[in-house]
N, C-alpha and C. Protein backbone atom coordinates (compact mmCIF):
# COMPACT_ATOMS: atom_id res chain seq x y z
N UNK A 1 110.45 84.92 57.31
CA UNK A 1 110.19 84.02 58.41
C UNK A 1 109.41 82.83 57.89
N UNK A 2 109.80 81.67 58.26
CA UNK A 2 109.08 80.46 57.89
C UNK A 2 108.29 79.97 59.10
N UNK A 3 107.06 79.56 58.83
CA UNK A 3 106.23 79.02 59.90
C UNK A 3 106.60 77.57 60.16
N UNK A 4 106.56 77.19 61.41
CA UNK A 4 106.79 75.79 61.76
C UNK A 4 105.48 75.03 61.59
N UNK A 5 105.53 73.73 61.79
CA UNK A 5 104.34 72.90 61.59
C UNK A 5 103.19 73.27 62.52
N UNK A 6 103.49 73.65 63.76
CA UNK A 6 102.41 73.98 64.70
C UNK A 6 101.57 75.17 64.24
N UNK A 7 102.17 76.32 63.89
CA UNK A 7 101.34 77.42 63.40
C UNK A 7 100.60 77.08 62.11
N UNK A 8 101.21 76.31 61.24
CA UNK A 8 100.55 75.92 59.99
C UNK A 8 99.31 75.10 60.30
N UNK A 9 99.43 74.15 61.21
CA UNK A 9 98.28 73.31 61.57
C UNK A 9 97.18 74.16 62.22
N UNK A 10 97.56 75.13 63.04
CA UNK A 10 96.58 76.00 63.69
C UNK A 10 95.83 76.82 62.64
N UNK A 11 96.56 77.36 61.66
CA UNK A 11 95.93 78.15 60.59
C UNK A 11 94.98 77.27 59.79
N UNK A 12 95.40 76.07 59.46
CA UNK A 12 94.54 75.15 58.69
C UNK A 12 93.26 74.83 59.46
N UNK A 13 93.39 74.51 60.74
CA UNK A 13 92.21 74.16 61.54
C UNK A 13 91.28 75.35 61.67
N UNK A 14 91.83 76.53 61.89
CA UNK A 14 91.00 77.73 62.02
C UNK A 14 90.28 78.03 60.71
N UNK A 15 90.97 77.87 59.60
CA UNK A 15 90.36 78.14 58.30
C UNK A 15 89.20 77.19 58.03
N UNK A 16 89.35 75.94 58.42
CA UNK A 16 88.27 74.97 58.22
C UNK A 16 87.06 75.31 59.10
N UNK A 17 87.32 75.72 60.33
CA UNK A 17 86.24 76.00 61.27
C UNK A 17 85.52 77.30 60.93
N UNK A 18 86.25 78.32 60.59
CA UNK A 18 85.66 79.64 60.37
C UNK A 18 85.03 79.71 58.99
N UNK A 19 85.72 79.23 58.00
CA UNK A 19 85.17 79.19 56.66
C UNK A 19 85.17 80.50 55.91
N UNK A 20 85.93 81.48 56.37
CA UNK A 20 85.99 82.76 55.66
C UNK A 20 87.43 83.05 55.26
N UNK A 21 87.65 84.21 54.68
CA UNK A 21 89.00 84.60 54.26
C UNK A 21 89.91 84.76 55.47
N UNK A 22 91.16 84.50 55.25
CA UNK A 22 92.18 84.70 56.27
C UNK A 22 92.84 86.04 55.98
N UNK A 23 92.86 86.93 56.96
CA UNK A 23 93.49 88.24 56.81
C UNK A 23 94.82 88.25 57.55
N UNK A 24 95.88 88.59 56.83
CA UNK A 24 97.21 88.66 57.43
C UNK A 24 97.76 90.06 57.30
N UNK A 25 98.30 90.58 58.39
CA UNK A 25 98.94 91.89 58.40
C UNK A 25 100.42 91.65 58.65
N UNK A 26 101.27 92.02 57.69
CA UNK A 26 102.70 91.89 57.84
C UNK A 26 103.28 93.26 58.14
N UNK A 27 103.86 93.41 59.31
CA UNK A 27 104.50 94.66 59.70
C UNK A 27 106.01 94.42 59.63
N UNK A 28 106.61 94.85 58.55
CA UNK A 28 108.02 94.56 58.29
C UNK A 28 108.92 95.72 58.73
N UNK A 29 110.07 95.41 59.33
CA UNK A 29 110.97 96.47 59.82
C UNK A 29 111.80 97.14 58.73
N UNK A 30 111.94 96.50 57.58
CA UNK A 30 112.79 97.04 56.51
C UNK A 30 111.95 97.32 55.27
N UNK A 31 112.40 98.25 54.43
CA UNK A 31 111.68 98.52 53.18
C UNK A 31 111.60 97.27 52.30
N UNK A 32 110.55 97.22 51.48
CA UNK A 32 110.33 96.10 50.57
C UNK A 32 110.49 96.60 49.14
N UNK A 33 111.29 95.90 48.34
CA UNK A 33 111.53 96.32 46.96
C UNK A 33 110.28 96.21 46.09
N UNK A 34 109.56 95.10 46.21
CA UNK A 34 108.40 94.87 45.36
C UNK A 34 107.25 94.32 46.21
N UNK A 35 106.53 95.19 46.93
CA UNK A 35 105.50 94.71 47.85
C UNK A 35 104.35 93.98 47.15
N UNK A 36 104.00 94.37 45.94
CA UNK A 36 102.91 93.69 45.23
C UNK A 36 103.29 92.25 44.92
N UNK A 37 104.51 92.04 44.45
CA UNK A 37 104.98 90.68 44.16
C UNK A 37 105.05 89.86 45.44
N UNK A 38 105.58 90.47 46.51
CA UNK A 38 105.67 89.77 47.78
C UNK A 38 104.29 89.32 48.27
N UNK A 39 103.32 90.22 48.20
CA UNK A 39 101.96 89.90 48.65
C UNK A 39 101.34 88.81 47.79
N UNK A 40 101.54 88.89 46.48
CA UNK A 40 100.98 87.88 45.58
C UNK A 40 101.57 86.50 45.83
N UNK A 41 102.89 86.44 45.99
CA UNK A 41 103.54 85.15 46.23
C UNK A 41 103.13 84.56 47.57
N UNK A 42 103.07 85.41 48.59
CA UNK A 42 102.69 84.93 49.90
C UNK A 42 101.22 84.50 49.93
N UNK A 43 100.37 85.25 49.24
CA UNK A 43 98.96 84.88 49.15
C UNK A 43 98.81 83.50 48.54
N UNK A 44 99.52 83.25 47.46
CA UNK A 44 99.43 81.95 46.80
C UNK A 44 99.92 80.82 47.71
N UNK A 45 101.02 81.04 48.38
CA UNK A 45 101.57 80.00 49.27
C UNK A 45 100.64 79.70 50.44
N UNK A 46 100.15 80.75 51.09
CA UNK A 46 99.28 80.55 52.26
C UNK A 46 97.96 79.93 51.81
N UNK A 47 97.39 80.41 50.72
CA UNK A 47 96.13 79.87 50.22
C UNK A 47 96.28 78.38 49.91
N UNK A 48 97.37 78.02 49.28
CA UNK A 48 97.62 76.60 48.98
C UNK A 48 97.73 75.79 50.27
N UNK A 49 98.39 76.34 51.27
CA UNK A 49 98.58 75.66 52.55
C UNK A 49 97.26 75.41 53.26
N UNK A 50 96.31 76.33 53.10
CA UNK A 50 95.02 76.16 53.78
C UNK A 50 93.92 75.77 52.80
N UNK A 51 94.31 74.92 51.84
CA UNK A 51 93.37 74.26 50.94
C UNK A 51 92.57 75.21 50.07
N UNK A 52 93.20 76.24 49.55
CA UNK A 52 92.56 77.13 48.60
C UNK A 52 91.68 78.21 49.19
N UNK A 53 91.65 78.32 50.50
CA UNK A 53 90.84 79.37 51.12
C UNK A 53 91.39 80.74 50.73
N UNK A 54 90.51 81.73 50.63
CA UNK A 54 90.93 83.07 50.24
C UNK A 54 91.80 83.71 51.33
N UNK A 55 92.83 84.42 50.91
CA UNK A 55 93.76 85.08 51.82
C UNK A 55 93.91 86.54 51.39
N UNK A 56 93.80 87.43 52.35
CA UNK A 56 94.04 88.86 52.12
C UNK A 56 95.28 89.25 52.91
N UNK A 57 96.24 89.88 52.24
CA UNK A 57 97.49 90.27 52.89
C UNK A 57 97.68 91.77 52.78
N UNK A 58 98.01 92.39 53.91
CA UNK A 58 98.34 93.81 53.95
C UNK A 58 99.78 93.90 54.44
N UNK A 59 100.58 94.67 53.72
CA UNK A 59 101.99 94.84 54.09
C UNK A 59 102.21 96.26 54.58
N UNK A 60 102.83 96.37 55.74
CA UNK A 60 103.24 97.65 56.29
C UNK A 60 104.76 97.61 56.41
N UNK A 61 105.41 98.58 55.80
CA UNK A 61 106.88 98.64 55.83
C UNK A 61 107.31 100.09 55.62
N UNK A 62 108.52 100.42 56.04
CA UNK A 62 109.02 101.77 55.79
C UNK A 62 108.97 102.09 54.30
N UNK A 63 108.66 103.33 53.99
CA UNK A 63 108.59 103.87 52.63
C UNK A 63 107.37 103.41 51.85
N UNK A 64 106.43 102.69 52.48
CA UNK A 64 105.18 102.33 51.82
C UNK A 64 104.08 103.27 52.31
N UNK A 65 103.24 103.71 51.39
CA UNK A 65 102.12 104.58 51.76
C UNK A 65 101.04 103.76 52.47
N UNK A 66 100.39 104.39 53.43
CA UNK A 66 99.22 103.77 54.08
C UNK A 66 97.98 104.40 53.49
N UNK A 67 97.04 103.57 53.15
CA UNK A 67 95.80 104.04 52.56
C UNK A 67 94.68 103.95 53.59
N UNK A 68 93.69 104.83 53.52
CA UNK A 68 92.61 104.83 54.49
C UNK A 68 91.78 103.55 54.48
N UNK A 69 91.84 102.76 53.41
CA UNK A 69 91.06 101.53 53.35
C UNK A 69 91.57 100.46 54.31
N UNK A 70 92.81 100.62 54.79
CA UNK A 70 93.36 99.66 55.75
C UNK A 70 92.86 100.05 57.13
N UNK A 71 92.15 99.14 57.79
CA UNK A 71 91.59 99.48 59.11
C UNK A 71 92.67 99.90 60.09
N UNK A 72 92.40 100.93 60.86
CA UNK A 72 93.38 101.39 61.83
C UNK A 72 93.57 100.37 62.94
N UNK A 73 92.59 99.50 63.15
CA UNK A 73 92.73 98.46 64.17
C UNK A 73 93.89 97.52 63.84
N UNK A 74 94.20 97.36 62.55
CA UNK A 74 95.30 96.50 62.16
C UNK A 74 96.63 97.07 62.63
N UNK A 75 96.68 98.37 62.84
CA UNK A 75 97.93 99.01 63.27
C UNK A 75 97.98 99.25 64.77
N UNK A 76 96.92 98.94 65.47
CA UNK A 76 96.85 99.16 66.92
C UNK A 76 97.40 97.93 67.64
N UNK A 77 97.97 98.12 68.83
CA UNK A 77 98.44 96.95 69.59
C UNK A 77 97.26 96.06 69.97
N UNK A 78 97.54 94.78 70.03
CA UNK A 78 96.49 93.81 70.38
C UNK A 78 96.08 93.97 71.83
N UNK A 79 94.80 93.77 72.10
CA UNK A 79 94.31 93.80 73.46
C UNK A 79 94.67 92.49 74.14
N UNK A 80 94.97 92.52 75.42
CA UNK A 80 95.30 91.28 76.12
C UNK A 80 94.11 90.32 76.11
N UNK A 81 94.42 89.06 75.96
CA UNK A 81 93.35 88.05 75.90
C UNK A 81 92.90 87.64 77.28
């Protein structure tokens, strides 16, 4: 999925205001051949887009193990705003 200009601008503005790492959780419907490479490439692209800010990416996909270090809140449905 490619982000359009609006989400990219929102991420950039949020990163400038918050000033901390950006955490992304990707919940993919299909298995991933090389999740480490995918995470590394995406981390580099997103970090570059938001002016070098640190990015942490967690990938959830079929056939990938879940480790206890991943917060369970990341897998829970979002609460209504």
